Amino acid sequence: MTKDNHGPWLESLYVEGVRNLATQRIEFAAGGNVIAGPNGSGKSSILEGVSLLATGRSFRSNTIGPVIQHDREDCVVQARVVVKAGVLSLGMRRTRTGELTLKINGEPAASLAEFATVLPTIIIDPTSTELVGGPPEGRRRLMDGALFHVEQGFINIWRRYQRALKQRNAGLRHGTIGRDDPWLPELVKTGSILTTQRASLVEELGPVFEGVMAELSPELASVCLSYRPGWDQAGTLEAGLVRSLESDRARGFTHVGPHRADLRLQWGGRPAAEVMSRGQLKLTTIALRLAQGRLMADGRGGSPVYAVDDIAAELDLDHAARVGGLLENEASQVLITTVSEQEVAGFWSGANKKLFHVEQGAVTGSPGSGRGNDL
């Protein structure tokens, strides 16, 4: 790291019942942490534990079942997080039946949103190329993930919109929504605020993304970002909802609005996903994530932790080194997995790193196999 870390960072991580990982505590450095091990050794599961603490969900699975060891009914992940005010302890327990227990400093967290504010994290994994080429949901999640950490009150507006949308869709399915749509005012009010916040974010994100892209791959520096609000931009959200009412009633759901928004990426006037190679898609994804992280660093949460799974996958040595160089220069903690220690010199040029090795679920290079705090 060439800068002092000015964001929260993960001092230690305790895992129990997570995939093939042995029960253990891992102690990290505030700067670079390289986690090496063969495929299937458990190195990605370490980042999965970080993902659970940061977002409440795994980046590898949409359900908790595959995350929990087959002979257990639950998994436990705990951490000590260094923040400006000192050190906070986080604890999460997830069960196969969906039970979720969250604690901050031993006390129940009011909500997952409160819990997630403690450790802002950017996750980059081999499947994240779907961010560019996949459905809009992933790109909406990127925008909303950044806004969650930088825009005061965003989560309340988002929740209000989602609640009104759910109620309207239920009414549409049951045929109780007529010309006097009771949910129209709330959808318009919250949806308009949500759209303004997202559009402003994309306006800020664009130049930052272009700058990162120029450093990673100059030929991709002309990739353009644009925001699509989820309805015909020639009219207002209210006009779009009113115009689509009959169609919504026939279909049983609301098909215009911020829940259909998208962050478009174009290269040479064409959708980026149609013309990019796998390596170019990964570089573009990494640039998006780094730009997202830099915006978050300027917000109230501070610099995020970067958790990067299999950094060298689908990248040549030159581009892997460029990604590593940018990560080294971020004022953030970085956790990177790689298949072998020999690869490390190719993407991490400096000596400022802590090296871990993972074999059959056990981590060496970090002391500590003691039990965590009770949940």
Protein backbone atom coordinates (compact mmCIF):
# COMPACT_ATOMS: atom_id res chain seq x y z
CA MET A 1 0.00 0.00 0.00
CA THR A 2 1.32 3.41 -0.85
CA LYS A 3 -1.32 5.24 1.18
CA ASP A 4 -2.55 4.96 4.71
CA ASN A 5 -5.76 2.99 4.98
CA HIS A 6 -8.52 5.49 5.76
CA GLY A 7 -11.40 3.04 5.77
CA PRO A 8 -12.58 0.18 7.96
CA TRP A 9 -10.45 -2.93 7.70
CA LEU A 10 -10.79 -6.55 8.74
CA GLU A 11 -8.42 -7.35 11.59
CA SER A 12 -9.53 -10.95 12.05
CA LEU A 13 -12.08 -13.39 10.67
CA TYR A 14 -13.47 -16.42 12.51
CA VAL A 15 -15.27 -19.10 10.49
CA GLU A 16 -17.16 -22.16 11.64
CA GLY A 17 -19.21 -24.47 9.43
CA VAL A 18 -18.46 -22.62 6.17
CA ARG A 19 -18.02 -24.97 3.18
CA ASN A 20 -14.80 -26.98 3.52
CA LEU A 21 -13.02 -24.55 5.85
CA ALA A 22 -11.73 -25.80 9.17
CA THR A 23 -12.91 -23.89 12.23
CA GLN A 24 -10.27 -21.19 12.65
CA ARG A 25 -9.45 -17.55 13.13
CA ILE A 26 -7.49 -15.70 10.44
CA GLU A 27 -5.65 -12.49 11.24
CA PHE A 28 -5.17 -10.07 8.36
CA ALA A 29 -2.92 -7.09 7.64
CA ALA A 30 -4.37 -3.63 7.07
CA GLY A 31 -2.85 -3.53 3.58
CA GLY A 32 -2.37 -6.37 1.11
CA ASN A 33 -3.30 -9.97 1.92
CA VAL A 34 -2.59 -12.69 -0.65
CA ILE A 35 -4.31 -16.04 -0.08
CA ALA A 36 -2.76 -18.84 -2.15
CA GLY A 37 -3.96 -22.39 -2.59
CA PRO A 38 -4.96 -24.95 -5.22
CA ASN A 39 -8.49 -25.12 -6.56
CA GLY A 40 -10.86 -26.60 -3.99
CA SER A 41 -8.58 -25.80 -1.06
CA GLY A 42 -10.99 -23.32 0.53
CA LYS A 43 -9.39 -20.00 -0.37
CA SER A 44 -12.54 -18.67 -2.08
CA SER A 45 -14.58 -19.73 0.95
CA ILE A 46 -12.59 -17.26 3.06
CA LEU A 47 -13.79 -14.44 0.83
CA GLU A 48 -17.27 -15.96 1.00
CA GLY A 49 -17.16 -15.48 4.77
CA VAL A 50 -16.22 -11.84 4.23
CA SER A 51 -19.10 -11.51 1.78
CA LEU A 52 -21.56 -12.83 4.38
CA LEU A 53 -20.41 -10.19 6.87
CA ALA A 54 -20.43 -7.38 4.32
CA THR A 55 -23.69 -8.06 2.49
CA GLY A 56 -25.53 -10.83 4.33
CA ARG A 57 -25.23 -13.10 1.30
CA SER A 58 -22.70 -15.27 -0.50
CA PHE A 59 -21.24 -14.07 -3.79
CA ARG A 60 -21.11 -17.71 -4.96
CA SER A 61 -24.64 -18.87 -4.18
CA ASN A 62 -28.09 -17.31 -4.07
CA THR A 63 -29.06 -19.56 -1.14
CA ILE A 64 -27.33 -20.31 2.15
CA GLY A 65 -27.62 -24.11 1.88
CA PRO A 66 -24.47 -24.75 -0.20
CA VAL A 67 -22.44 -22.48 2.11
CA ILE A 68 -23.13 -24.54 5.24
CA GLN A 69 -21.11 -27.72 5.76
CA HIS A 70 -23.18 -30.80 4.90
CA ASP A 71 -23.13 -32.23 8.44
CA ARG A 72 -24.24 -28.97 10.10
CA GLU A 73 -27.43 -26.98 10.41
CA ASP A 74 -25.74 -23.59 10.66
CA CYS A 75 -22.60 -21.60 9.98
CA VAL A 76 -21.00 -18.85 12.06
CA VAL A 77 -18.82 -15.99 10.84
CA GLN A 78 -17.32 -13.43 13.20
CA ALA A 79 -14.86 -10.58 12.80
CA ARG A 80 -13.01 -7.77 14.45
CA VAL A 81 -13.20 -4.64 12.31
CA VAL A 82 -10.95 -1.63 12.86
CA VAL A 83 -12.85 1.65 12.42
CA LYS A 84 -12.01 5.26 13.20
CA ALA A 85 -13.57 5.03 16.66
CA GLY A 86 -11.76 1.82 17.61
CA VAL A 87 -12.57 -1.85 17.05
CA LEU A 88 -16.01 -3.37 16.48
CA SER A 89 -16.87 -7.06 16.74
CA LEU A 90 -19.33 -8.52 14.25
CA GLY A 91 -21.11 -11.86 14.51
CA MET A 92 -23.40 -13.63 12.08
CA ARG A 93 -25.14 -16.99 12.31
CA ARG A 94 -27.11 -18.44 9.39
CA THR A 95 -29.16 -21.65 9.50
CA ARG A 96 -30.46 -23.90 6.76
CA THR A 97 -34.01 -22.90 7.68
CA GLY A 98 -33.25 -19.23 7.03
CA GLU A 99 -32.75 -18.02 10.59
CA LEU A 100 -30.38 -15.06 10.74
CA THR A 101 -28.67 -13.77 13.88
CA LEU A 102 -26.65 -10.54 13.70
CA LYS A 103 -24.66 -8.93 16.50
CA ILE A 104 -22.47 -5.85 16.79
CA ASN A 105 -20.26 -5.76 19.89
CA GLY A 106 -22.35 -8.56 21.34
CA GLU A 107 -25.65 -6.70 20.96
CA PRO A 108 -28.34 -7.59 18.40
CA ALA A 109 -28.13 -5.45 15.26
CA ALA A 110 -31.30 -3.52 14.47
CA SER A 111 -31.24 -4.66 10.85
CA LEU A 112 -29.06 -6.17 8.16
CA ALA A 113 -28.62 -2.64 6.78
CA GLU A 114 -27.11 -1.47 10.08
CA PHE A 115 -24.87 -4.55 10.16
CA ALA A 116 -23.71 -4.06 6.56
CA THR A 117 -22.58 -0.47 7.11
CA VAL A 118 -19.70 -1.60 9.32
CA LEU A 119 -17.59 -3.31 6.63
CA PRO A 120 -18.09 -1.78 3.15
CA THR A 121 -16.67 -4.32 0.72
CA ILE A 122 -16.13 -4.59 -3.03
CA ILE A 123 -16.12 -8.19 -4.27
CA ILE A 124 -14.58 -9.17 -7.61
CA ASP A 125 -14.85 -12.84 -8.55
CA PRO A 126 -14.46 -14.93 -11.75
CA THR A 127 -18.21 -14.81 -12.47
CA SER A 128 -18.42 -11.04 -12.11
CA THR A 129 -18.09 -10.58 -15.89
CA GLU A 130 -21.85 -11.14 -15.76
CA LEU A 131 -22.00 -7.63 -14.35
CA VAL A 132 -21.42 -6.31 -17.88
CA GLY A 133 -23.08 -9.02 -19.95
CA GLY A 134 -25.72 -10.33 -17.58
CA PRO A 135 -29.19 -9.06 -16.66
CA PRO A 136 -29.72 -5.50 -15.36
CA GLU A 137 -30.27 -6.70 -11.78
CA GLY A 138 -26.52 -6.96 -11.17
CA ARG A 139 -25.87 -3.46 -12.45
CA ARG A 140 -28.72 -2.05 -10.36
CA ARG A 141 -27.14 -3.78 -7.36
CA LEU A 142 -23.84 -2.05 -8.12
CA MET A 143 -25.49 1.38 -8.21
CA ASP A 144 -27.53 0.71 -5.10
CA GLY A 145 -24.57 -0.79 -3.25
CA ALA A 146 -22.61 2.41 -3.77
CA LEU A 147 -25.57 4.62 -2.85
CA PHE A 148 -26.13 2.60 0.33
CA HIS A 149 -22.71 3.69 1.56
CA VAL A 150 -22.59 7.27 0.22
CA GLU A 151 -26.16 8.63 0.21
CA GLN A 152 -27.74 9.34 3.57
CA GLY A 153 -31.32 8.05 3.64
CA PHE A 154 -31.01 6.00 0.45
CA ILE A 155 -31.96 2.71 2.10
CA ASN A 156 -35.21 4.17 3.47
CA ILE A 157 -36.27 5.44 0.04
CA TRP A 158 -35.33 2.12 -1.55
CA ARG A 159 -37.35 0.19 1.03
CA ARG A 160 -40.38 2.45 0.61
CA TYR A 161 -40.31 2.01 -3.16
CA GLN A 162 -39.95 -1.77 -2.89
CA ARG A 163 -42.80 -1.96 -0.37
CA ALA A 164 -45.14 0.08 -2.60
CA LEU A 165 -44.14 -1.96 -5.65
CA LYS A 166 -44.82 -5.23 -3.84
CA GLN A 167 -48.25 -4.03 -2.71
CA ARG A 168 -49.16 -2.75 -6.18
CA ASN A 169 -48.10 -6.00 -7.82
CA ALA A 170 -50.19 -7.97 -5.32
CA GLY A 171 -53.18 -5.76 -6.17
CA LEU A 172 -52.60 -6.23 -9.89
CA ARG A 173 -52.50 -10.02 -9.52
CA HIS A 174 -55.73 -10.04 -7.51
CA GLY A 175 -57.49 -7.54 -9.75
CA THR A 176 -57.98 -4.90 -7.04
CA ILE A 177 -56.08 -2.08 -8.78
CA GLY A 178 -58.43 0.11 -10.82
CA ARG A 179 -58.06 3.50 -12.45
CA ASP A 180 -57.69 5.01 -9.00
CA ASP A 181 -54.36 3.40 -8.25
CA PRO A 182 -53.74 3.83 -4.47
CA TRP A 183 -50.02 3.09 -4.80
CA LEU A 184 -49.33 5.56 -7.60
CA PRO A 185 -48.41 8.58 -5.38
CA GLU A 186 -45.91 6.58 -3.28
CA LEU A 187 -44.34 4.90 -6.32
CA VAL A 188 -43.94 8.24 -8.07
CA LYS A 189 -42.54 10.02 -5.01
CA THR A 190 -40.02 7.38 -3.95
CA GLY A 191 -39.27 6.25 -7.51
CA SER A 192 -38.42 9.78 -8.60
CA ILE A 193 -36.03 10.27 -5.68
CA LEU A 194 -34.44 6.88 -6.32
CA THR A 195 -33.99 7.72 -10.00
CA THR A 196 -32.43 11.10 -9.24
CA GLN A 197 -29.97 9.50 -6.82
CA ARG A 198 -28.97 6.78 -9.29
CA ALA A 199 -28.60 9.21 -12.19
CA SER A 200 -26.37 11.47 -10.07
CA LEU A 201 -24.27 8.49 -9.06
CA VAL A 202 -23.75 7.42 -12.68
CA GLU A 203 -22.80 10.99 -13.61
CA GLU A 204 -20.08 10.87 -10.95
CA LEU A 205 -19.12 7.29 -11.75
CA GLY A 206 -18.49 7.92 -15.45
CA PRO A 207 -15.30 10.00 -15.26
CA VAL A 208 -13.86 7.86 -12.46
CA PHE A 209 -14.55 4.70 -14.48
CA GLU A 210 -12.95 6.21 -17.60
CA GLY A 211 -9.83 7.09 -15.61
CA VAL A 212 -9.48 3.58 -14.18
CA MET A 213 -10.17 2.03 -17.58
CA ALA A 214 -7.43 4.14 -19.17
CA GLU A 215 -4.93 2.80 -16.63
CA LEU A 216 -5.99 -0.82 -17.00
CA SER A 217 -6.50 -0.99 -20.77
CA PRO A 218 -6.17 2.19 -22.89
CA GLU A 219 -8.00 0.61 -25.83
CA LEU A 220 -11.08 0.29 -23.61
CA ALA A 221 -10.96 3.86 -22.31
CA SER A 222 -13.74 4.85 -24.74
CA VAL A 223 -16.31 2.56 -23.07
CA CYS A 224 -19.29 4.78 -22.20
CA LEU A 225 -21.71 4.52 -19.29
CA SER A 226 -25.30 5.69 -19.48
CA TYR A 227 -28.30 5.41 -17.18
CA ARG A 228 -31.71 4.14 -18.26
CA PRO A 229 -34.40 4.89 -15.66
CA GLY A 230 -36.79 2.05 -16.52
CA TRP A 231 -39.42 3.92 -18.52
CA ASP A 232 -39.69 6.09 -21.63
CA GLN A 233 -37.42 9.06 -20.91
CA ALA A 234 -39.60 11.32 -23.06
CA GLY A 235 -42.18 11.36 -20.24
CA THR A 236 -42.36 11.29 -16.44
CA LEU A 237 -42.53 8.25 -14.21
CA GLU A 238 -46.13 9.10 -13.35
CA ALA A 239 -47.08 9.32 -17.03
CA GLY A 240 -45.39 5.99 -17.69
CA LEU A 241 -47.22 4.25 -14.85
CA VAL A 242 -50.60 5.69 -15.88
CA ARG A 243 -50.06 4.77 -19.53
CA SER A 244 -49.06 1.19 -18.66
CA LEU A 245 -51.86 0.55 -16.15
CA GLU A 246 -54.03 -1.57 -18.44
CA SER A 247 -51.04 -3.60 -19.58
CA ASP A 248 -49.94 -4.03 -15.95
CA ARG A 249 -53.40 -5.27 -15.01
CA ALA A 250 -53.32 -7.80 -17.83
CA ARG A 251 -49.84 -9.04 -16.94
CA GLY A 252 -50.24 -8.88 -13.17
CA PHE A 253 -47.11 -6.85 -12.45
CA THR A 254 -45.63 -3.37 -12.84
CA HIS A 255 -43.38 -3.37 -15.89
CA VAL A 256 -42.10 0.22 -15.86
CA GLY A 257 -40.24 2.07 -13.12
CA PRO A 258 -36.89 2.21 -11.31
CA HIS A 259 -37.02 -1.56 -10.68
CA ARG A 260 -36.42 -1.92 -14.44
CA ALA A 261 -33.55 0.58 -14.55
CA ASP A 262 -30.20 -0.26 -16.11
CA LEU A 263 -26.61 0.94 -16.30
CA ARG A 264 -25.68 0.56 -19.97
CA LEU A 265 -22.12 0.07 -21.21
CA GLN A 266 -21.28 0.73 -24.86
CA TRP A 267 -18.03 0.43 -26.77
CA GLY A 268 -17.77 1.82 -30.26
CA GLY A 269 -21.49 2.52 -30.28
CA ARG A 270 -22.43 -1.11 -29.56
CA PRO A 271 -23.34 -2.94 -26.31
CA ALA A 272 -20.03 -3.80 -24.66
CA ALA A 273 -21.03 -7.40 -23.92
CA GLU A 274 -21.55 -8.08 -27.65
CA VAL A 275 -18.07 -7.05 -28.78
CA MET A 276 -15.72 -7.74 -25.86
CA SER A 277 -13.59 -10.82 -25.22
CA ARG A 278 -13.75 -12.55 -21.85
CA GLY A 279 -10.56 -10.80 -20.76
CA GLN A 280 -11.91 -7.40 -21.80
CA LEU A 281 -15.16 -8.09 -19.96
CA LYS A 282 -13.21 -8.89 -16.80
CA LEU A 283 -11.12 -5.72 -17.08
CA THR A 284 -14.26 -3.67 -17.60
CA THR A 285 -15.87 -5.28 -14.58
CA ILE A 286 -12.80 -4.61 -12.44
CA ALA A 287 -12.78 -0.99 -13.60
CA LEU A 288 -16.44 -0.63 -12.63
CA ARG A 289 -15.79 -2.10 -9.21
CA LEU A 290 -12.72 0.07 -8.59
CA ALA A 291 -14.67 3.16 -9.66
CA GLN A 292 -17.50 2.14 -7.34
CA GLY A 293 -14.98 1.74 -4.52
CA ARG A 294 -13.46 5.15 -5.11
CA LEU A 295 -16.87 6.80 -4.91
CA MET A 296 -17.55 4.91 -1.70
CA ALA A 297 -14.20 6.05 -0.31
CA ASP A 298 -15.32 9.64 -0.74
CA GLY A 299 -18.60 8.91 1.08
CA ARG A 300 -19.46 8.52 4.72
CA GLY A 301 -18.31 4.88 4.96
CA GLY A 302 -14.66 5.39 4.01
CA SER A 303 -12.54 3.19 1.76
CA PRO A 304 -14.00 -0.28 1.17
CA VAL A 305 -12.23 -3.59 1.56
CA TYR A 306 -11.45 -5.17 -1.82
CA ALA A 307 -11.99 -8.95 -1.92
CA VAL A 308 -10.68 -10.31 -5.24
CA ASP A 309 -11.10 -13.99 -6.05
CA ASP A 310 -8.64 -15.58 -8.50
CA ILE A 311 -7.18 -12.34 -9.82
CA ALA A 312 -5.27 -13.95 -12.68
CA ALA A 313 -8.23 -15.82 -14.20
CA GLU A 314 -8.75 -14.77 -17.84
CA LEU A 315 -6.11 -12.02 -17.60
CA ASP A 316 -2.65 -12.04 -19.13
CA LEU A 317 0.32 -11.20 -16.92
CA ASP A 318 0.48 -7.57 -18.03
CA HIS A 319 -3.14 -6.81 -17.23
CA ALA A 320 -3.03 -8.79 -13.97
CA ALA A 321 -0.04 -6.66 -12.94
CA ARG A 322 -1.96 -3.48 -13.82
CA VAL A 323 -4.91 -4.57 -11.70
CA GLY A 324 -2.58 -5.45 -8.83
CA GLY A 325 -0.82 -2.10 -9.14
CA LEU A 326 -4.08 -0.18 -8.90
CA LEU A 327 -5.18 -2.22 -5.90
CA GLU A 328 -1.83 -1.60 -4.18
CA ASN A 329 -2.34 2.15 -4.58
CA GLU A 330 -5.84 2.19 -3.11
CA ALA A 331 -6.05 3.40 0.50
CA SER A 332 -7.84 0.17 1.34
CA GLN A 333 -7.35 -3.30 2.67
CA VAL A 334 -7.06 -5.86 -0.12
CA LEU A 335 -7.71 -9.62 0.07
CA ILE A 336 -6.67 -11.51 -3.07
CA THR A 337 -6.78 -15.23 -3.82
CA THR A 338 -4.50 -16.98 -6.29
CA VAL A 339 -3.81 -20.60 -7.18
CA SER A 340 -0.09 -20.52 -6.37
CA GLU A 341 2.42 -18.45 -4.48
CA GLN A 342 4.55 -18.31 -7.64
CA GLU A 343 1.89 -16.14 -9.31
CA VAL A 344 2.07 -13.45 -6.62
CA ALA A 345 5.10 -11.64 -8.06
CA GLY A 346 3.21 -11.23 -11.33
CA PHE A 347 0.45 -9.08 -9.87
CA TRP A 348 1.79 -7.66 -6.60
CA SER A 349 5.06 -5.83 -7.09
CA GLY A 350 5.62 -4.45 -3.61
CA ALA A 351 6.77 -6.15 -0.44
CA ASN A 352 3.90 -4.74 1.60
CA LYS A 353 1.73 -7.84 1.80
CA LYS A 354 0.86 -10.72 4.08
CA LEU A 355 0.91 -14.14 2.46
CA PHE A 356 -1.37 -17.01 3.46
CA HIS A 357 -1.50 -20.58 2.20
CA VAL A 358 -4.63 -22.72 2.21
CA GLU A 359 -4.57 -26.51 2.08
CA GLN A 360 -7.64 -28.71 2.66
CA GLY A 361 -9.48 -25.91 4.41
CA ALA A 362 -6.71 -24.97 6.83
CA VAL A 363 -4.96 -21.59 6.62
CA THR A 364 -1.31 -21.12 7.48
CA GLY A 365 0.58 -17.85 7.69
CA SER A 366 -1.80 -16.50 10.32
CA PRO A 367 -1.90 -17.52 13.99
CA GLY A 368 -5.13 -18.32 15.73
CA SER A 369 -7.38 -21.35 15.76
CA GLY A 370 -9.33 -20.40 18.89
CA ARG A 371 -13.09 -20.29 19.18
CA GLY A 372 -15.06 -17.18 18.46
CA ASN A 373 -17.40 -15.30 20.75
CA ASP A 374 -20.77 -16.85 21.49
CA LEU A 375 -23.68 -15.75 19.30
